[in-house]
Amino acid sequence: MRYVEQLKRFETQCNKVGIHHVHGLRHHYAQERYRELTGWECPANGGPKSKALTPEQKLIDREARLTISGELGHEREQVTAQYVGR
């Protein structure tokens, strides 16, 4: 099944039980998970932007983004910018 087909199936089932706008839950999860993995808020929640991070923090940031990306089923670090900011 393609992603779009799976997403439609998921949204239909959620709507049947009264759960709407579920994609926001992914954003919330990613942002909370980023804080858990890094120890600071993500840029989307007012945390430091990438340019303000030290080299050590940039390594932590990248590892966190890769972890979150995998957990969300994307496997690409770039996708996390949509969820946690840059």
C-alpha atoms as a PDB file:
ATOM      1  CA  MET A   1       0.000   0.000   0.000  1.00  0.00           C
ATOM      2  CA  ARG A   2       1.339   3.442  -0.869  1.00  0.00           C
ATOM      3  CA  TYR A   3       1.774   6.082   1.834  1.00  0.00           C
ATOM      4  CA  VAL A   4      -1.161   8.165   0.585  1.00  0.00           C
ATOM      5  CA  GLU A   5      -3.448   5.137   0.614  1.00  0.00           C
ATOM      6  CA  GLN A   6      -2.365   4.206   4.134  1.00  0.00           C
ATOM      7  CA  LEU A   7      -2.821   7.798   5.300  1.00  0.00           C
ATOM      8  CA  LYS A   8      -6.370   7.946   3.919  1.00  0.00           C
ATOM      9  CA  ARG A   9      -7.208   4.651   5.616  1.00  0.00           C
ATOM     10  CA  PHE A  10      -5.797   5.921   8.907  1.00  0.00           C
ATOM     11  CA  GLU A  11      -7.665   9.247   8.665  1.00  0.00           C
ATOM     12  CA  THR A  12     -10.922   7.474   7.851  1.00  0.00           C
ATOM     13  CA  GLN A  13     -10.600   5.226  10.899  1.00  0.00           C
ATOM     14  CA  CYS A  14      -9.726   8.189  13.133  1.00  0.00           C
ATOM     15  CA  ASN A  15     -12.692  10.184  11.836  1.00  0.00           C
ATOM     16  CA  LYS A  16     -15.027   7.273  12.605  1.00  0.00           C
ATOM     17  CA  VAL A  17     -14.080   7.484  16.290  1.00  0.00           C
ATOM     18  CA  GLY A  18     -14.063  11.289  16.421  1.00  0.00           C
ATOM     19  CA  ILE A  19     -10.322  11.987  16.215  1.00  0.00           C
ATOM     20  CA  HIS A  20      -9.562  14.811  13.789  1.00  0.00           C
ATOM     21  CA  HIS A  21      -6.440  16.677  12.609  1.00  0.00           C
ATOM     22  CA  VAL A  22      -4.139  13.841  13.617  1.00  0.00           C
ATOM     23  CA  HIS A  23      -1.079  15.122  11.786  1.00  0.00           C
ATOM     24  CA  GLY A  24      -0.642  17.665  14.576  1.00  0.00           C
ATOM     25  CA  LEU A  25      -0.026  14.734  16.905  1.00  0.00           C
ATOM     26  CA  ARG A  26       3.065  13.858  14.870  1.00  0.00           C
ATOM     27  CA  HIS A  27       4.376  17.395  15.314  1.00  0.00           C
ATOM     28  CA  HIS A  28       3.746  17.254  19.044  1.00  0.00           C
ATOM     29  CA  TYR A  29       5.433  13.856  19.315  1.00  0.00           C
ATOM     30  CA  ALA A  30       8.482  15.005  17.314  1.00  0.00           C
ATOM     31  CA  GLN A  31       8.866  18.170  19.386  1.00  0.00           C
ATOM     32  CA  GLU A  32       8.565  16.348  22.709  1.00  0.00           C
ATOM     33  CA  ARG A  33      10.934  13.622  21.542  1.00  0.00           C
ATOM     34  CA  TYR A  34      13.481  16.227  20.412  1.00  0.00           C
ATOM     35  CA  ARG A  35      13.452  17.743  23.908  1.00  0.00           C
ATOM     36  CA  GLU A  36      13.880  14.295  25.478  1.00  0.00           C
ATOM     37  CA  LEU A  37      16.837  13.436  23.243  1.00  0.00           C
ATOM     38  CA  THR A  38      18.656  16.785  23.312  1.00  0.00           C
ATOM     39  CA  GLY A  39      17.755  18.315  26.656  1.00  0.00           C
ATOM     40  CA  TRP A  40      16.561  21.577  25.098  1.00  0.00           C
ATOM     41  CA  GLU A  41      13.500  22.829  23.215  1.00  0.00           C
ATOM     42  CA  CYS A  42      13.379  22.508  19.466  1.00  0.00           C
ATOM     43  CA  PRO A  43      13.576  25.658  17.314  1.00  0.00           C
ATOM     44  CA  ALA A  44       9.850  25.386  16.538  1.00  0.00           C
ATOM     45  CA  ASN A  45       9.155  25.786  20.283  1.00  0.00           C
ATOM     46  CA  GLY A  46      11.567  28.682  20.823  1.00  0.00           C
ATOM     47  CA  GLY A  47      14.721  26.633  21.286  1.00  0.00           C
ATOM     48  CA  PRO A  48      18.070  27.578  19.766  1.00  0.00           C
ATOM     49  CA  LYS A  49      18.406  27.716  16.001  1.00  0.00           C
ATOM     50  CA  SER A  50      21.058  25.571  14.328  1.00  0.00           C
ATOM     51  CA  LYS A  51      23.449  28.511  13.942  1.00  0.00           C
ATOM     52  CA  ALA A  52      23.463  29.091  17.714  1.00  0.00           C
ATOM     53  CA  LEU A  53      24.479  25.510  18.600  1.00  0.00           C
ATOM     54  CA  THR A  54      28.003  24.555  19.589  1.00  0.00           C
ATOM     55  CA  PRO A  55      29.741  21.842  17.551  1.00  0.00           C
ATOM     56  CA  GLU A  56      28.953  19.316  20.315  1.00  0.00           C
ATOM     57  CA  GLN A  57      25.300  20.378  20.386  1.00  0.00           C
ATOM     58  CA  LYS A  58      25.116  20.087  16.590  1.00  0.00           C
ATOM     59  CA  LEU A  59      26.125  16.425  16.864  1.00  0.00           C
ATOM     60  CA  ILE A  60      23.427  15.841  19.497  1.00  0.00           C
ATOM     61  CA  ASP A  61      20.919  17.716  17.315  1.00  0.00           C
ATOM     62  CA  ARG A  62      21.724  15.614  14.246  1.00  0.00           C
ATOM     63  CA  GLU A  63      21.483  12.325  16.134  1.00  0.00           C
ATOM     64  CA  ALA A  64      18.151  13.385  17.628  1.00  0.00           C
ATOM     65  CA  ARG A  65      16.804  14.360  14.218  1.00  0.00           C
ATOM     66  CA  LEU A  66      17.891  11.037  12.697  1.00  0.00           C
ATOM     67  CA  THR A  67      16.260   9.143  15.559  1.00  0.00           C
ATOM     68  CA  ILE A  68      13.009  11.099  15.257  1.00  0.00           C
ATOM     69  CA  SER A  69      12.977  10.739  11.485  1.00  0.00           C
ATOM     70  CA  GLY A  70      13.296   6.965  11.812  1.00  0.00           C
ATOM     71  CA  GLU A  71      10.593   6.815  14.461  1.00  0.00           C
ATOM     72  CA  LEU A  72       8.250   8.759  12.180  1.00  0.00           C
ATOM     73  CA  GLY A  73       9.011   6.410   9.295  1.00  0.00           C
ATOM     74  CA  HIS A  74      10.865   8.889   7.100  1.00  0.00           C
ATOM     75  CA  GLU A  75      14.532   7.849   7.424  1.00  0.00           C
ATOM     76  CA  ARG A  76      15.644  11.318   6.221  1.00  0.00           C
ATOM     77  CA  GLU A  77      16.908  13.954   8.638  1.00  0.00           C
ATOM     78  CA  GLN A  78      15.683  16.809   6.406  1.00  0.00           C
ATOM     79  CA  VAL A  79      12.045  15.872   7.036  1.00  0.00           C
ATOM     80  CA  THR A  80      12.376  16.698  10.725  1.00  0.00           C
ATOM     81  CA  ALA A  81      12.709  20.412   9.883  1.00  0.00           C
ATOM     82  CA  GLN A  82       8.966  20.359   9.189  1.00  0.00           C
ATOM     83  CA  TYR A  83       8.273  19.041  12.670  1.00  0.00           C
ATOM     84  CA  VAL A  84      10.891  20.628  14.922  1.00  0.00           C
ATOM     85  CA  GLY A  85      12.240  23.578  12.925  1.00  0.00           C
ATOM     86  CA  ARG A  86      15.741  24.330  11.823  1.00  0.00           C
END
